[in-house]
Amino acid sequence: MKFELDEEYIELFKLLKVMGVAESGAHAKMLIEERAVKRNGEVETRKRAKIISGERIEMGGEVIEVED
């Protein structure tokens, strides 16, 4: 999946919600707390991590590529 960034960044939990990987913001935060989300191949535990263009987010077999 590709996500087109229209601002400087998007917070990780919001990205998961917007892309439908998580059912809600609370669900997205839970997934992040459970260490189920990878950012550029590394586990990301910060719910509000600023995701910028060029990054790759993985969760449960889904891959989100963030671009301008």
PDB file of N, CA and C in Angstrom:
ATOM      1  N   MET A   1       0.845  -1.179   0.000  1.00  0.00           N
ATOM      2  CA  MET A   1       0.000   0.000   0.000  1.00  0.00           C
ATOM      3  C   MET A   1       0.888   1.240   0.000  1.00  0.00           C
ATOM      4  N   LYS A   2       0.413   2.252  -0.653  1.00  0.00           N
ATOM      5  CA  LYS A   2       1.145   3.515  -0.666  1.00  0.00           C
ATOM      6  C   LYS A   2       0.303   4.581   0.031  1.00  0.00           C
ATOM      7  N   PHE A   3       0.976   5.427   0.809  1.00  0.00           N
ATOM      8  CA  PHE A   3       0.320   6.558   1.472  1.00  0.00           C
ATOM      9  C   PHE A   3       0.993   7.821   0.990  1.00  0.00           C
ATOM     10  N   GLU A   4       0.200   8.733   0.442  1.00  0.00           N
ATOM     11  CA  GLU A   4       0.745   9.988  -0.040  1.00  0.00           C
ATOM     12  C   GLU A   4       0.652  11.036   1.057  1.00  0.00           C
ATOM     13  N   LEU A   5       1.801  11.515   1.481  1.00  0.00           N
ATOM     14  CA  LEU A   5       1.920  12.477   2.563  1.00  0.00           C
ATOM     15  C   LEU A   5       1.607  13.865   2.024  1.00  0.00           C
ATOM     16  N   ASP A   6       0.680  14.574   2.681  1.00  0.00           N
ATOM     17  CA  ASP A   6       0.368  15.937   2.230  1.00  0.00           C
ATOM     18  C   ASP A   6       0.848  16.985   3.229  1.00  0.00           C
ATOM     19  N   GLU A   7       1.522  16.520   4.278  1.00  0.00           N
ATOM     20  CA  GLU A   7       2.137  17.419   5.252  1.00  0.00           C
ATOM     21  C   GLU A   7       3.572  16.954   5.465  1.00  0.00           C
ATOM     22  N   GLU A   8       4.273  17.544   6.419  1.00  0.00           N
ATOM     23  CA  GLU A   8       5.669  17.176   6.673  1.00  0.00           C
ATOM     24  C   GLU A   8       5.789  15.749   7.199  1.00  0.00           C
ATOM     25  N   TYR A   9       4.828  15.334   8.035  1.00  0.00           N
ATOM     26  CA  TYR A   9       4.850  14.001   8.635  1.00  0.00           C
ATOM     27  C   TYR A   9       3.444  13.598   9.065  1.00  0.00           C
ATOM     28  N   ILE A  10       3.281  12.324   9.441  1.00  0.00           N
ATOM     29  CA  ILE A  10       2.050  11.827  10.036  1.00  0.00           C
ATOM     30  C   ILE A  10       2.455  10.964  11.224  1.00  0.00           C
ATOM     31  N   GLU A  11       1.710  11.068  12.311  1.00  0.00           N
ATOM     32  CA  GLU A  11       2.020  10.255  13.481  1.00  0.00           C
ATOM     33  C   GLU A  11       1.672   8.802  13.181  1.00  0.00           C
ATOM     34  N   LEU A  12       2.482   7.889  13.699  1.00  0.00           N
ATOM     35  CA  LEU A  12       2.355   6.475  13.390  1.00  0.00           C
ATOM     36  C   LEU A  12       0.955   5.930  13.646  1.00  0.00           C
ATOM     37  N   PHE A  13       0.384   6.185  14.807  1.00  0.00           N
ATOM     38  CA  PHE A  13      -0.933   5.620  15.106  1.00  0.00           C
ATOM     39  C   PHE A  13      -1.999   6.142  14.153  1.00  0.00           C
ATOM     40  N   LYS A  14      -1.867   7.392  13.713  1.00  0.00           N
ATOM     41  CA  LYS A  14      -2.830   7.965  12.756  1.00  0.00           C
ATOM     42  C   LYS A  14      -2.689   7.302  11.396  1.00  0.00           C
ATOM     43  N   LEU A  15      -1.464   7.025  10.992  1.00  0.00           N
ATOM     44  CA  LEU A  15      -1.224   6.366   9.709  1.00  0.00           C
ATOM     45  C   LEU A  15      -1.881   4.988   9.681  1.00  0.00           C
ATOM     46  N   LEU A  16      -1.710   4.228  10.749  1.00  0.00           N
ATOM     47  CA  LEU A  16      -2.310   2.887  10.814  1.00  0.00           C
ATOM     48  C   LEU A  16      -3.829   2.966  10.733  1.00  0.00           C
ATOM     49  N   LYS A  17      -4.410   3.971  11.383  1.00  0.00           N
ATOM     50  CA  LYS A  17      -5.864   4.147  11.363  1.00  0.00           C
ATOM     51  C   LYS A  17      -6.347   4.556   9.970  1.00  0.00           C
ATOM     52  N   VAL A  18      -5.712   5.551   9.391  1.00  0.00           N
ATOM     53  CA  VAL A  18      -6.106   6.066   8.070  1.00  0.00           C
ATOM     54  C   VAL A  18      -6.012   4.991   6.990  1.00  0.00           C
ATOM     55  N   MET A  19      -4.997   4.147   7.080  1.00  0.00           N
ATOM     56  CA  MET A  19      -4.773   3.114   6.066  1.00  0.00           C
ATOM     57  C   MET A  19      -5.624   1.868   6.299  1.00  0.00           C
ATOM     58  N   GLY A  20      -6.384   1.830   7.401  1.00  0.00           N
ATOM     59  CA  GLY A  20      -7.267   0.702   7.660  1.00  0.00           C
ATOM     60  C   GLY A  20      -6.567  -0.520   8.230  1.00  0.00           C
ATOM     61  N   VAL A  21      -5.300  -0.369   8.604  1.00  0.00           N
ATOM     62  CA  VAL A  21      -4.562  -1.471   9.225  1.00  0.00           C
ATOM     63  C   VAL A  21      -5.078  -1.675  10.645  1.00  0.00           C
ATOM     64  N   ALA A  22      -5.471  -0.578  11.287  1.00  0.00           N
ATOM     65  CA  ALA A  22      -6.069  -0.623  12.623  1.00  0.00           C
ATOM     66  C   ALA A  22      -7.513  -0.141  12.512  1.00  0.00           C
ATOM     67  N   GLU A  23      -8.373  -0.684  13.347  1.00  0.00           N
ATOM     68  CA  GLU A  23      -9.794  -0.327  13.306  1.00  0.00           C
ATOM     69  C   GLU A  23     -10.065   1.068  13.860  1.00  0.00           C
ATOM     70  N   SER A  24      -9.203   1.531  14.772  1.00  0.00           N
ATOM     71  CA  SER A  24      -9.391   2.834  15.408  1.00  0.00           C
ATOM     72  C   SER A  24      -8.036   3.325  15.914  1.00  0.00           C
ATOM     73  N   GLY A  25      -8.028   4.553  16.407  1.00  0.00           N
ATOM     74  CA  GLY A  25      -6.803   5.084  16.988  1.00  0.00           C
ATOM     75  C   GLY A  25      -6.365   4.277  18.199  1.00  0.00           C
ATOM     76  N   ALA A  26      -7.323   3.874  19.018  1.00  0.00           N
ATOM     77  CA  ALA A  26      -7.015   3.080  20.216  1.00  0.00           C
ATOM     78  C   ALA A  26      -6.445   1.717  19.820  1.00  0.00           C
ATOM     79  N   HIS A  27      -7.010   1.123  18.781  1.00  0.00           N
ATOM     80  CA  HIS A  27      -6.507  -0.169  18.297  1.00  0.00           C
ATOM     81  C   HIS A  27      -5.086  -0.010  17.767  1.00  0.00           C
ATOM     82  N   ALA A  28      -4.834   1.072  17.043  1.00  0.00           N
ATOM     83  CA  ALA A  28      -3.487   1.335  16.512  1.00  0.00           C
ATOM     84  C   ALA A  28      -2.482   1.463  17.653  1.00  0.00           C
ATOM     85  N   LYS A  29      -2.850   2.194  18.692  1.00  0.00           N
ATOM     86  CA  LYS A  29      -1.951   2.375  19.840  1.00  0.00           C
ATOM     87  C   LYS A  29      -1.666   1.036  20.517  1.00  0.00           C
ATOM     88  N   MET A  30      -2.684   0.186  20.606  1.00  0.00           N
ATOM     89  CA  MET A  30      -2.513  -1.127  21.219  1.00  0.00           C
ATOM     90  C   MET A  30      -1.524  -1.975  20.397  1.00  0.00           C
ATOM     91  N   LEU A  31      -1.672  -1.958  19.073  1.00  0.00           N
ATOM     92  CA  LEU A  31      -0.770  -2.711  18.203  1.00  0.00           C
ATOM     93  C   LEU A  31       0.677  -2.245  18.381  1.00  0.00           C
ATOM     94  N   ILE A  32       0.858  -0.941  18.500  1.00  0.00           N
ATOM     95  CA  ILE A  32       2.197  -0.376  18.678  1.00  0.00           C
ATOM     96  C   ILE A  32       2.766  -0.801  20.033  1.00  0.00           C
ATOM     97  N   GLU A  33       1.944  -0.717  21.082  1.00  0.00           N
ATOM     98  CA  GLU A  33       2.381  -1.141  22.421  1.00  0.00           C
ATOM     99  C   GLU A  33       2.783  -2.607  22.446  1.00  0.00           C
ATOM    100  N   GLU A  34       2.087  -3.432  21.664  1.00  0.00           N
ATOM    101  CA  GLU A  34       2.368  -4.870  21.616  1.00  0.00           C
ATOM    102  C   GLU A  34       3.561  -5.208  20.724  1.00  0.00           C
ATOM    103  N   ARG A  35       4.243  -4.164  20.229  1.00  0.00           N
ATOM    104  CA  ARG A  35       5.445  -4.334  19.404  1.00  0.00           C
ATOM    105  C   ARG A  35       5.151  -5.066  18.093  1.00  0.00           C
ATOM    106  N   ALA A  36       3.963  -4.846  17.554  1.00  0.00           N
ATOM    107  CA  ALA A  36       3.541  -5.520  16.324  1.00  0.00           C
ATOM    108  C   ALA A  36       3.835  -4.696  15.070  1.00  0.00           C
ATOM    109  N   VAL A  37       4.395  -3.500  15.252  1.00  0.00           N
ATOM    110  CA  VAL A  37       4.615  -2.584  14.127  1.00  0.00           C
ATOM    111  C   VAL A  37       6.105  -2.358  13.924  1.00  0.00           C
ATOM    112  N   LYS A  38       6.528  -2.466  12.663  1.00  0.00           N
ATOM    113  CA  LYS A  38       7.928  -2.194  12.327  1.00  0.00           C
ATOM    114  C   LYS A  38       8.007  -0.937  11.470  1.00  0.00           C
ATOM    115  N   ARG A  39       9.034  -0.170  11.736  1.00  0.00           N
ATOM    116  CA  ARG A  39       9.324   1.042  10.955  1.00  0.00           C
ATOM    117  C   ARG A  39      10.704   0.841  10.336  1.00  0.00           C
ATOM    118  N   ASN A  40      10.754   0.784   9.032  1.00  0.00           N
ATOM    119  CA  ASN A  40      12.021   0.565   8.319  1.00  0.00           C
ATOM    120  C   ASN A  40      12.752  -0.671   8.852  1.00  0.00           C
ATOM    121  N   GLY A  41      11.992  -1.733   9.138  1.00  0.00           N
ATOM    122  CA  GLY A  41      12.580  -2.997   9.562  1.00  0.00           C
ATOM    123  C   GLY A  41      12.830  -3.148  11.054  1.00  0.00           C
ATOM    124  N   GLU A  42      12.632  -2.070  11.826  1.00  0.00           N
ATOM    125  CA  GLU A  42      12.862  -2.101  13.271  1.00  0.00           C
ATOM    126  C   GLU A  42      11.533  -1.912  14.009  1.00  0.00           C
ATOM    127  N   VAL A  43      11.375  -2.610  15.139  1.00  0.00           N
ATOM    128  CA  VAL A  43      10.155  -2.457  15.940  1.00  0.00           C
ATOM    129  C   VAL A  43      10.062  -1.012  16.418  1.00  0.00           C
ATOM    130  N   GLU A  44       8.892  -0.405  16.240  1.00  0.00           N
ATOM    131  CA  GLU A  44       8.653   0.980  16.677  1.00  0.00           C
ATOM    132  C   GLU A  44       7.635   0.946  17.811  1.00  0.00           C
ATOM    133  N   THR A  45       7.987   1.538  18.955  1.00  0.00           N
ATOM    134  CA  THR A  45       7.097   1.516  20.117  1.00  0.00           C
ATOM    135  C   THR A  45       6.542   2.899  20.468  1.00  0.00           C
ATOM    136  N   ARG A  46       6.918   3.912  19.696  1.00  0.00           N
ATOM    137  CA  ARG A  46       6.414   5.263  19.965  1.00  0.00           C
ATOM    138  C   ARG A  46       5.143   5.497  19.146  1.00  0.00           C
ATOM    139  N   LYS A  47       4.031   5.651  19.831  1.00  0.00           N
ATOM    140  CA  LYS A  47       2.735   5.823  19.159  1.00  0.00           C
ATOM    141  C   LYS A  47       2.715   7.061  18.273  1.00  0.00           C
ATOM    142  N   ARG A  48       3.359   8.114  18.727  1.00  0.00           N
ATOM    143  CA  ARG A  48       3.338   9.384  17.998  1.00  0.00           C
ATOM    144  C   ARG A  48       4.611   9.623  17.183  1.00  0.00           C
ATOM    145  N   ALA A  49       5.319   8.543  16.854  1.00  0.00           N
ATOM    146  CA  ALA A  49       6.524   8.675  16.024  1.00  0.00           C
ATOM    147  C   ALA A  49       6.154   9.399  14.734  1.00  0.00           C
ATOM    148  N   LYS A  50       6.990  10.344  14.331  1.00  0.00           N
ATOM    149  CA  LYS A  50       6.717  11.143  13.131  1.00  0.00           C
ATOM    150  C   LYS A  50       7.212  10.376  11.904  1.00  0.00           C
ATOM    151  N   ILE A  51       6.272   9.923  11.104  1.00  0.00           N
ATOM    152  CA  ILE A  51       6.586   9.158   9.901  1.00  0.00           C
ATOM    153  C   ILE A  51       6.687  10.126   8.728  1.00  0.00           C
ATOM    154  N   ILE A  52       7.826  10.074   8.035  1.00  0.00           N
ATOM    155  CA  ILE A  52       8.068  11.001   6.926  1.00  0.00           C
ATOM    156  C   ILE A  52       8.167  10.233   5.605  1.00  0.00           C
ATOM    157  N   SER A  53       8.217  10.985   4.532  1.00  0.00           N
ATOM    158  CA  SER A  53       8.319  10.404   3.194  1.00  0.00           C
ATOM    159  C   SER A  53       9.540   9.497   3.093  1.00  0.00           C
ATOM    160  N   GLY A  54       9.372   8.355   2.422  1.00  0.00           N
ATOM    161  CA  GLY A  54      10.464   7.422   2.219  1.00  0.00           C
ATOM    162  C   GLY A  54      10.494   6.296   3.241  1.00  0.00           C
ATOM    163  N   GLU A  55       9.644   6.385   4.254  1.00  0.00           N
ATOM    164  CA  GLU A  55       9.644   5.343   5.284  1.00  0.00           C
ATOM    165  C   GLU A  55       8.710   4.201   4.911  1.00  0.00           C
ATOM    166  N   ARG A  56       8.979   3.056   5.540  1.00  0.00           N
ATOM    167  CA  ARG A  56       8.215   1.833   5.269  1.00  0.00           C
ATOM    168  C   ARG A  56       7.713   1.292   6.608  1.00  0.00           C
ATOM    169  N   ILE A  57       6.410   1.088   6.701  1.00  0.00           N
ATOM    170  CA  ILE A  57       5.779   0.592   7.917  1.00  0.00           C
ATOM    171  C   ILE A  57       5.210  -0.794   7.629  1.00  0.00           C
ATOM    172  N   GLU A  58       5.490  -1.747   8.523  1.00  0.00           N
ATOM    173  CA  GLU A  58       4.990  -3.113   8.359  1.00  0.00           C
ATOM    174  C   GLU A  58       4.185  -3.508   9.592  1.00  0.00           C
ATOM    175  N   MET A  59       3.056  -4.198   9.343  1.00  0.00           N
ATOM    176  CA  MET A  59       2.213  -4.660  10.433  1.00  0.00           C
ATOM    177  C   MET A  59       1.359  -5.803   9.931  1.00  0.00           C
ATOM    178  N   GLY A  60       1.521  -6.968  10.529  1.00  0.00           N
ATOM    179  CA  GLY A  60       0.674  -8.108  10.195  1.00  0.00           C
ATOM    180  C   GLY A  60       0.598  -8.449   8.723  1.00  0.00           C
ATOM    181  N   GLY A  61       1.714  -8.415   8.037  1.00  0.00           N
ATOM    182  CA  GLY A  61       1.723  -8.759   6.620  1.00  0.00           C
ATOM    183  C   GLY A  61       1.399  -7.606   5.694  1.00  0.00           C
ATOM    184  N   GLU A  62       0.949  -6.501   6.251  1.00  0.00           N
ATOM    185  CA  GLU A  62       0.664  -5.301   5.451  1.00  0.00           C
ATOM    186  C   GLU A  62       1.917  -4.413   5.418  1.00  0.00           C
ATOM    187  N   VAL A  63       2.161  -3.802   4.278  1.00  0.00           N
ATOM    188  CA  VAL A  63       3.292  -2.891   4.134  1.00  0.00           C
ATOM    189  C   VAL A  63       2.759  -1.562   3.627  1.00  0.00           C
ATOM    190  N   ILE A  64       3.137  -0.493   4.316  1.00  0.00           N
ATOM    191  CA  ILE A  64       2.745   0.854   3.905  1.00  0.00           C
ATOM    192  C   ILE A  64       4.018   1.593   3.519  1.00  0.00           C
ATOM    193  N   GLU A  65       4.049   2.094   2.309  1.00  0.00           N
ATOM    194  CA  GLU A  65       5.174   2.904   1.848  1.00  0.00           C
ATOM    195  C   GLU A  65       4.712   4.346   1.796  1.00  0.00           C
ATOM    196  N   VAL A  66       5.412   5.199   2.525  1.00  0.00           N
ATOM    197  CA  VAL A  66       5.040   6.610   2.633  1.00  0.00           C
ATOM    198  C   VAL A  66       5.826   7.404   1.599  1.00  0.00           C
ATOM    199  N   GLU A  67       5.119   8.196   0.818  1.00  0.00           N
ATOM    200  CA  GLU A  67       5.779   9.007  -0.213  1.00  0.00           C
ATOM    201  C   GLU A  67       5.149  10.384  -0.285  1.00  0.00           C
ATOM    202  N   ASP A  68       5.874  11.286  -0.965  1.00  0.00           N
ATOM    203  CA  ASP A  68       5.372  12.670  -1.162  1.00  0.00           C
ATOM    204  C   ASP A  68       4.230  12.687  -2.124  1.00  0.00           C
TER     205      ASP A  68
END
